């Protein structure tokens, strides 16, 4: 089917039915830009890779300082840095951006033909390196009831979109039961998706949900929507086919599953291919896909939210910021126009308030919504996962 829509069309139509129609009071828009930040992309040399980072260190603070959200916060950029591209100079540059209040660093990984043991080793080693050498990644707050027992903790984006070995050709992963390993090593949320038109796209669309491993892979295809809890924080459990036995550690992980935070996915009828077919809207910002005002409105209209809390709307965007054509957009006039549109349409203080967030802060606010917190989401940026030491 066209552009792999057979995989996600039903999920998209279901998300339209769940889209909030009327929401009273002030609505709050959380916007996170999640960057698959790959300085060594396409095999460039060290000087070129470090030059990419130097440009960001030089230009991002000036752009960000021109805008403020309802909390007085400048736009935030989350750099998902690849484990396999580790360069201390590049990471120190991103650390400088963190200190200037421009964003945070999380974990990205490209791997192929891997094993569970190999995946675990890569994640733990890189997690500890980022935390101990660079002061990056958050930690669970002492007051939190979070069931993660690892520290530090991290958000994750899978390279080539191939979470849970989800490519039909089996490339760029190799580990079917990846969600449990992620959670066991301190991953508090996956922010890989949407990936359409890639065949790795989950069947659940425009959702915040928890997912569990399946032996055949693609555990992220389905899950349980995150919803506002009442007095108890009971979370619906997955139903296993065949009644497989679980060891104690797996049972602990299955108490909550891995949180999946998706960005907008749908059809943009305002931008048509050949003047006829609507284009796929997947929240990408690139040289070929500028963040125009019509897209900004569509992202908000998608209405991704925690069930029962439709007034808190989450917009997770993605990009590859070290592609030069994309950098020109992300650090130039097109991004200024996006922020101007956000300010004009979603920060009037009456109908909408705008909140620029990192991936960590978006997850914290998600967990606050689940716990029934109300009012402005701004105070919940550090609700469960605390700030990195570098901040």
Protein backbone atom coordinates (compact mmCIF):
# COMPACT_ATOMS: atom_id res chain seq x y z
CA UNK A 1 0.00 0.00 0.00
CA UNK A 2 1.15 3.58 -0.66
CA UNK A 3 4.06 4.56 1.61
CA UNK A 4 3.40 1.69 4.03
CA UNK A 5 0.03 3.08 5.08
CA UNK A 6 -1.40 -0.42 5.40
CA UNK A 7 0.56 -0.65 8.66
CA UNK A 8 -0.55 2.57 10.29
CA UNK A 9 -3.71 3.84 8.57
CA UNK A 10 -6.13 2.10 10.96
CA UNK A 11 -4.18 3.43 13.94
CA UNK A 12 -4.29 6.90 12.45
CA UNK A 13 -8.04 6.73 11.89
CA UNK A 14 -8.47 5.56 15.49
CA UNK A 15 -6.44 8.51 16.70
CA UNK A 16 -8.80 10.85 14.82
CA UNK A 17 -11.73 9.41 16.73
CA UNK A 18 -9.90 9.96 20.04
CA UNK A 19 -8.84 13.50 19.17
CA UNK A 20 -10.30 15.96 21.70
CA UNK A 21 -13.10 18.05 20.23
CA UNK A 22 -13.79 20.61 22.94
CA UNK A 23 -11.48 21.36 25.82
CA UNK A 24 -12.36 24.04 28.33
CA UNK A 25 -9.95 26.49 29.90
CA UNK A 26 -6.35 27.14 28.97
CA UNK A 27 -4.62 24.47 26.92
CA UNK A 28 -0.90 23.84 27.22
CA UNK A 29 1.36 22.91 24.31
CA UNK A 30 4.61 21.08 25.09
CA UNK A 31 7.11 21.23 22.21
CA UNK A 32 10.27 19.10 22.11
CA UNK A 33 12.75 18.90 19.23
CA UNK A 34 14.46 15.49 19.35
CA UNK A 35 17.55 15.36 17.18
CA UNK A 36 19.15 12.18 15.83
CA UNK A 37 22.42 14.08 16.24
CA UNK A 38 25.11 12.29 14.24
CA UNK A 39 28.28 14.38 13.71
CA UNK A 40 30.05 11.50 11.93
CA UNK A 41 27.10 10.76 9.66
CA UNK A 42 28.08 9.44 6.20
CA UNK A 43 31.58 8.65 7.42
CA UNK A 44 32.91 12.20 7.53
CA UNK A 45 36.32 12.83 9.08
CA UNK A 46 36.95 14.14 12.59
CA UNK A 47 37.45 17.75 11.52
CA UNK A 48 34.13 17.80 9.68
CA UNK A 49 32.28 16.13 12.56
CA UNK A 50 33.65 18.56 15.11
CA UNK A 51 32.88 21.40 12.72
CA UNK A 52 29.20 20.41 12.78
CA UNK A 53 29.19 20.73 16.57
CA UNK A 54 31.12 23.99 16.53
CA UNK A 55 28.48 25.50 14.27
CA UNK A 56 25.74 24.49 16.68
CA UNK A 57 27.64 25.86 19.67
CA UNK A 58 28.14 29.13 17.80
CA UNK A 59 24.64 29.65 16.35
CA UNK A 60 22.03 27.89 18.51
CA UNK A 61 22.26 30.18 21.60
CA UNK A 62 21.66 33.28 19.50
CA UNK A 63 18.59 31.80 17.84
CA UNK A 64 17.17 30.36 21.06
CA UNK A 65 17.65 33.56 23.03
CA UNK A 66 15.21 35.36 20.73
CA UNK A 67 12.18 33.46 22.06
CA UNK A 68 10.57 32.64 25.40
CA UNK A 69 7.68 30.40 26.38
CA UNK A 70 5.00 30.95 29.04
CA UNK A 71 7.55 30.04 31.73
CA UNK A 72 10.22 32.40 30.39
CA UNK A 73 12.17 29.46 28.94
CA UNK A 74 13.99 29.56 25.62
CA UNK A 75 13.47 26.83 22.97
CA UNK A 76 15.01 23.49 23.93
CA UNK A 77 16.87 21.02 21.73
CA UNK A 78 17.51 17.41 22.77
CA UNK A 79 20.63 15.91 21.20
CA UNK A 80 20.28 12.11 20.95
CA UNK A 81 23.96 11.30 20.51
CA UNK A 82 25.04 7.95 18.95
CA UNK A 83 26.99 5.53 21.12
CA UNK A 84 29.05 4.39 18.15
CA UNK A 85 30.17 7.96 17.34
CA UNK A 86 31.59 8.84 20.74
CA UNK A 87 33.94 11.83 20.58
CA UNK A 88 34.67 13.67 23.86
CA UNK A 89 35.24 16.96 22.03
CA UNK A 90 31.81 16.77 20.38
CA UNK A 91 30.15 15.89 23.68
CA UNK A 92 31.94 18.70 25.50
CA UNK A 93 30.60 21.11 22.88
CA UNK A 94 27.07 19.91 23.51
CA UNK A 95 27.77 20.23 27.23
CA UNK A 96 28.48 23.91 26.63
CA UNK A 97 25.05 24.26 25.02
CA UNK A 98 23.50 22.56 28.05
CA UNK A 99 25.16 25.06 30.38
CA UNK A 100 23.75 27.90 28.27
CA UNK A 101 20.23 26.52 28.74
CA UNK A 102 19.73 25.33 25.16
CA UNK A 103 18.96 21.67 25.76
CA UNK A 104 20.14 18.26 26.94
CA UNK A 105 21.83 15.10 25.64
CA UNK A 106 20.28 11.61 25.54
CA UNK A 107 21.19 8.25 23.97
CA UNK A 108 20.98 7.23 20.32
CA UNK A 109 22.22 3.90 18.97
CA UNK A 110 22.79 2.29 15.58
CA UNK A 111 23.56 -1.41 15.84
CA UNK A 112 23.16 -4.43 13.59
CA UNK A 113 23.35 -8.21 14.00
CA UNK A 114 23.54 -7.57 17.74
CA UNK A 115 22.81 -9.80 20.73
CA UNK A 116 21.04 -9.08 23.98
CA UNK A 117 24.36 -9.18 25.81
CA UNK A 118 26.03 -6.89 23.29
CA UNK A 119 23.17 -4.40 23.43
CA UNK A 120 23.21 -4.32 27.21
CA UNK A 121 26.97 -3.73 27.30
CA UNK A 122 26.78 -0.84 24.83
CA UNK A 123 23.95 0.89 26.66
CA UNK A 124 25.48 0.57 30.14
CA UNK A 125 28.94 1.66 29.04
CA UNK A 126 27.69 4.70 27.12
CA UNK A 127 25.19 5.63 29.82
CA UNK A 128 27.91 5.70 32.47
CA UNK A 129 30.37 7.49 30.19
CA UNK A 130 27.92 10.30 29.47
CA UNK A 131 27.07 10.63 33.14
CA UNK A 132 30.49 10.32 34.73
CA UNK A 133 32.68 11.99 32.11
CA UNK A 134 30.30 14.68 30.84
CA UNK A 135 27.74 15.27 33.63
CA UNK A 136 24.88 14.33 31.31
CA UNK A 137 21.68 12.31 31.84
CA UNK A 138 19.23 12.64 34.71
CA UNK A 139 18.72 10.64 37.87
CA UNK A 140 15.57 9.48 39.60
CA UNK A 141 14.55 11.94 42.31
CA UNK A 142 14.52 10.65 45.88
CA UNK A 143 10.81 11.33 46.27
CA UNK A 144 9.87 9.47 43.10
CA UNK A 145 7.92 6.21 43.11
CA UNK A 146 9.49 5.25 39.76
CA UNK A 147 10.22 1.54 39.45
CA UNK A 148 13.48 2.06 37.56
CA UNK A 149 16.34 0.87 39.74
CA UNK A 150 19.21 2.00 37.52
CA UNK A 151 20.93 5.35 37.84
CA UNK A 152 21.60 7.40 35.82
CA UNK A 153 18.60 7.10 33.51
CA UNK A 154 18.10 8.09 29.90
CA UNK A 155 15.73 8.62 26.99
CA UNK A 156 16.38 6.64 23.82
CA UNK A 157 16.01 6.85 20.05
CA UNK A 158 16.87 3.79 17.94
CA UNK A 159 19.00 4.32 14.86
CA UNK A 160 17.35 3.60 11.52
CA UNK A 161 14.03 3.42 13.39
CA UNK A 162 14.63 -0.31 13.92
CA UNK A 163 13.51 -0.78 17.51
CA UNK A 164 12.85 -4.41 18.48
CA UNK A 165 14.28 -5.72 15.21
CA UNK A 166 11.35 -4.17 13.35
CA UNK A 167 12.75 -3.91 9.82
CA UNK A 168 11.36 -6.65 7.55
CA UNK A 169 14.91 -7.50 6.41
CA UNK A 170 16.14 -7.83 10.00
CA UNK A 171 18.82 -5.17 9.51
CA UNK A 172 20.05 -2.55 11.97
CA UNK A 173 19.15 -4.29 15.20
CA UNK A 174 19.14 -8.04 15.84
CA UNK A 175 17.47 -8.02 19.27
CA UNK A 176 13.77 -8.91 19.30
CA UNK A 177 13.27 -8.30 23.02
CA UNK A 178 14.84 -4.86 23.20
CA UNK A 179 12.31 -3.02 25.37
CA UNK A 180 13.15 -4.94 28.54
CA UNK A 181 16.88 -4.42 28.05
CA UNK A 182 16.35 -0.72 27.57
CA UNK A 183 14.27 -0.44 30.70
CA UNK A 184 16.63 -2.65 32.70
CA UNK A 185 19.56 -0.38 31.82
CA UNK A 186 17.76 2.80 32.89
CA UNK A 187 15.76 3.87 29.84
CA UNK A 188 12.68 5.72 31.07
CA UNK A 189 11.17 6.35 27.62
CA UNK A 190 11.62 5.62 23.94
CA UNK A 191 11.07 8.56 21.56
CA UNK A 192 11.91 6.88 18.25
CA UNK A 193 8.54 7.22 16.57
CA UNK A 194 6.79 8.03 14.29
CA UNK A 195 8.94 6.52 11.55
CA UNK A 196 6.43 6.39 8.67
CA UNK A 197 6.85 5.83 5.79
CA UNK A 198 9.39 3.29 7.11
CA UNK A 199 7.95 -0.23 7.68
CA UNK A 200 9.23 0.04 11.25
CA UNK A 201 6.28 2.32 12.06
CA UNK A 202 4.15 0.99 14.96
CA UNK A 203 0.48 0.25 14.46
CA UNK A 204 -0.34 2.55 17.37
CA UNK A 205 -0.37 6.15 16.15
CA UNK A 206 -0.37 9.52 17.92
CA UNK A 207 -0.25 7.90 21.33
CA UNK A 208 1.63 7.94 24.60
CA UNK A 209 1.62 4.32 25.75
CA UNK A 210 3.54 1.55 27.45
CA UNK A 211 4.76 -1.44 25.48
CA UNK A 212 6.16 -4.86 26.36
CA UNK A 213 8.51 -7.23 24.57
CA UNK A 214 7.21 -10.00 22.37
CA UNK A 215 9.44 -12.95 21.43
CA UNK A 216 8.87 -12.33 17.72
CA UNK A 217 9.95 -8.67 17.98
CA UNK A 218 8.05 -5.45 17.26
CA UNK A 219 6.95 -5.15 20.89
CA UNK A 220 6.27 -1.47 20.25
CA UNK A 221 3.49 -2.22 17.75
CA UNK A 222 0.86 -2.31 20.49
CA UNK A 223 0.58 -1.30 24.12
CA UNK A 224 -1.56 0.28 26.82
CA UNK A 225 -2.34 3.99 26.61
CA UNK A 226 -1.07 6.09 29.47
CA UNK A 227 -4.02 7.64 31.26
CA UNK A 228 -4.73 9.89 34.20
CA UNK A 229 -4.87 7.75 37.31
CA UNK A 230 -7.46 8.13 40.04
CA UNK A 231 -6.59 7.11 43.59
CA UNK A 232 -4.51 4.10 42.65
CA UNK A 233 -1.74 3.89 40.09
CA UNK A 234 -2.73 0.47 38.81
CA UNK A 235 -1.57 -0.09 35.26
CA UNK A 236 -3.23 -2.59 32.98
CA UNK A 237 -1.03 -5.62 32.44
CA UNK A 238 -0.25 -7.20 29.08
CA UNK A 239 -1.81 -10.51 28.17
CA UNK A 240 0.77 -13.12 27.21
CA UNK A 241 -0.08 -15.73 24.63
CA UNK A 242 0.61 -19.28 25.76
CA UNK A 243 1.21 -18.36 29.42
CA UNK A 244 5.02 -18.11 29.18
CA UNK A 245 6.94 -18.24 32.45
CA UNK A 246 8.61 -15.07 33.65
CA UNK A 247 11.58 -14.74 35.97
CA UNK A 248 11.51 -12.26 38.85
CA UNK A 249 13.33 -9.52 36.98
CA UNK A 250 11.06 -9.78 33.95
CA UNK A 251 8.00 -9.63 36.20
CA UNK A 252 9.34 -6.45 37.76
CA UNK A 253 9.85 -4.88 34.35
CA UNK A 254 6.39 -5.93 33.26
CA UNK A 255 4.82 -3.94 36.08
CA UNK A 256 4.93 -0.84 33.92
CA UNK A 257 6.52 -1.67 30.56
CA UNK A 258 8.55 0.87 28.59
CA UNK A 259 7.02 4.29 28.01
CA UNK A 260 6.64 5.17 24.32
CA UNK A 261 6.26 8.88 23.51
CA UNK A 262 5.26 9.45 19.89
CA UNK A 263 5.26 12.53 17.74
CA UNK A 264 2.51 13.53 15.29
CA UNK A 265 1.69 11.32 12.31
CA UNK A 266 -1.04 11.93 9.80
CA UNK A 267 -1.98 13.39 6.45
CA UNK A 268 -1.47 17.02 5.49
CA UNK A 269 -4.16 17.97 3.00
CA UNK A 270 -2.76 21.51 2.79
CA UNK A 271 0.37 20.15 1.10
CA UNK A 272 -0.43 17.72 -1.71
CA UNK A 273 1.81 15.64 -3.91
CA UNK A 274 1.18 16.34 -7.59
CA UNK A 275 -1.56 18.66 -6.35
CA UNK A 276 -3.75 15.66 -5.50
CA UNK A 277 -2.48 13.29 -2.79
CA UNK A 278 -2.03 14.58 0.76
CA UNK A 279 1.51 14.33 2.05
CA UNK A 280 2.50 12.34 5.10
CA UNK A 281 3.06 14.51 8.15
CA UNK A 282 5.50 12.86 10.56
CA UNK A 283 6.93 15.77 12.51
CA UNK A 284 10.25 15.82 10.66
CA UNK A 285 12.16 19.08 10.32
CA UNK A 286 14.64 19.00 7.44
CA UNK A 287 15.97 20.90 4.47
CA UNK A 288 13.19 19.40 2.38
CA UNK A 289 10.51 19.70 5.05
CA UNK A 290 10.49 23.15 6.63
CA UNK A 291 8.47 23.77 9.82
CA UNK A 292 5.87 25.97 8.14
CA UNK A 293 2.94 27.55 9.94
CA UNK A 294 0.40 25.10 8.49
CA UNK A 295 2.44 22.24 9.91
CA UNK A 296 2.68 23.92 13.32
CA UNK A 297 -1.11 24.11 13.50
CA UNK A 298 -1.46 20.50 12.35
CA UNK A 299 0.96 19.28 15.06
CA UNK A 300 -1.13 20.93 17.75
CA UNK A 301 -4.40 19.78 16.21
CA UNK A 302 -3.19 16.16 16.34
CA UNK A 303 -3.75 16.49 20.08
CA UNK A 304 -1.38 13.86 21.48
CA UNK A 305 -2.12 13.65 25.20
CA UNK A 306 -2.37 11.45 28.26
CA UNK A 307 -5.86 9.93 28.27
CA UNK A 308 -8.05 11.99 30.58
CA UNK A 309 -5.82 15.08 30.31
CA UNK A 310 -6.59 16.53 26.84
CA UNK A 311 -5.63 20.06 27.89
CA UNK A 312 -1.92 19.09 28.01
CA UNK A 313 -0.87 18.54 24.37
CA UNK A 314 2.49 17.02 23.43
CA UNK A 315 4.36 17.75 20.19
CA UNK A 316 7.55 15.73 19.71
CA UNK A 317 9.41 16.71 16.55
CA UNK A 318 12.45 15.00 15.06
CA UNK A 319 15.37 15.89 12.83
CA UNK A 320 18.91 14.94 11.84
CA UNK A 321 20.71 18.10 12.85
CA UNK A 322 24.16 17.28 11.47
CA UNK A 323 22.96 17.07 7.88
CA UNK A 324 24.11 20.48 6.53
CA UNK A 325 20.83 21.22 4.73
CA UNK A 326 18.94 20.45 7.95
CA UNK A 327 21.31 22.60 10.02
CA UNK A 328 20.55 25.52 7.72
CA UNK A 329 16.87 25.14 8.60
CA UNK A 330 17.30 24.43 12.31
CA UNK A 331 19.69 27.33 12.87
CA UNK A 332 18.18 29.78 10.41
CA UNK A 333 15.15 31.77 9.38
CA UNK A 334 12.85 28.78 8.91
CA UNK A 335 13.20 27.86 12.58
CA UNK A 336 12.71 31.46 13.62
CA UNK A 337 9.48 31.45 11.62
CA UNK A 338 8.36 28.28 13.42
CA UNK A 339 8.92 29.81 16.83
CA UNK A 340 7.18 33.00 15.74
CA UNK A 341 4.16 30.93 14.67
CA UNK A 342 4.18 29.07 17.99
CA UNK A 343 4.25 32.37 19.85
CA UNK A 344 1.44 33.86 17.80
CA UNK A 345 -0.96 30.93 17.85
CA UNK A 346 -0.14 29.00 21.03
CA UNK A 347 1.07 31.44 23.66
CA UNK A 348 -1.64 34.03 24.15
CA UNK A 349 -2.13 33.02 27.80
CA UNK A 350 -5.90 32.70 27.38
CA UNK A 351 -6.54 29.87 24.95
CA UNK A 352 -3.02 28.44 24.95
CA UNK A 353 0.26 28.50 26.84
CA UNK A 354 3.47 27.33 25.19
CA UNK A 355 6.13 25.27 26.98
CA UNK A 356 9.49 24.48 25.40
CA UNK A 357 10.74 21.18 26.83
CA UNK A 358 13.57 18.69 26.50
CA UNK A 359 12.78 14.99 26.03
CA UNK A 360 13.36 14.44 29.76
CA UNK A 361 11.02 17.28 30.68
CA UNK A 362 8.34 16.06 28.28
CA UNK A 363 8.43 12.64 29.94
CA UNK A 364 8.28 14.20 33.41
CA UNK A 365 5.22 16.20 32.43
CA UNK A 366 3.67 13.06 30.93
CA UNK A 367 4.16 11.25 34.24
CA UNK A 368 2.72 14.22 36.13
CA UNK A 369 -0.38 14.10 33.90
CA UNK A 370 -0.70 10.39 34.58
CA UNK A 371 -0.49 11.05 38.31
CA UNK A 372 -3.36 13.55 38.06
CA UNK A 373 -1.40 16.78 38.43
CA UNK A 374 -3.28 19.82 37.17
CA UNK A 375 -2.79 23.47 36.31
CA UNK A 376 0.30 24.59 34.43
CA UNK A 377 2.70 21.76 33.52
CA UNK A 378 5.72 24.04 33.91
CA UNK A 379 6.47 23.08 37.55
CA UNK A 380 6.68 19.39 36.62
CA UNK A 381 9.70 19.52 34.32
CA UNK A 382 11.75 17.64 36.94
CA UNK A 383 8.89 15.62 38.43
CA UNK A 384 10.47 12.13 38.38
CA UNK A 385 13.74 12.39 36.48
CA UNK A 386 16.02 15.05 37.92
CA UNK A 387 18.25 17.45 36.04
CA UNK A 388 21.66 16.36 34.73
CA UNK A 389 24.66 17.43 36.78
CA UNK A 390 25.93 19.58 33.90
CA UNK A 391 22.95 21.96 34.25
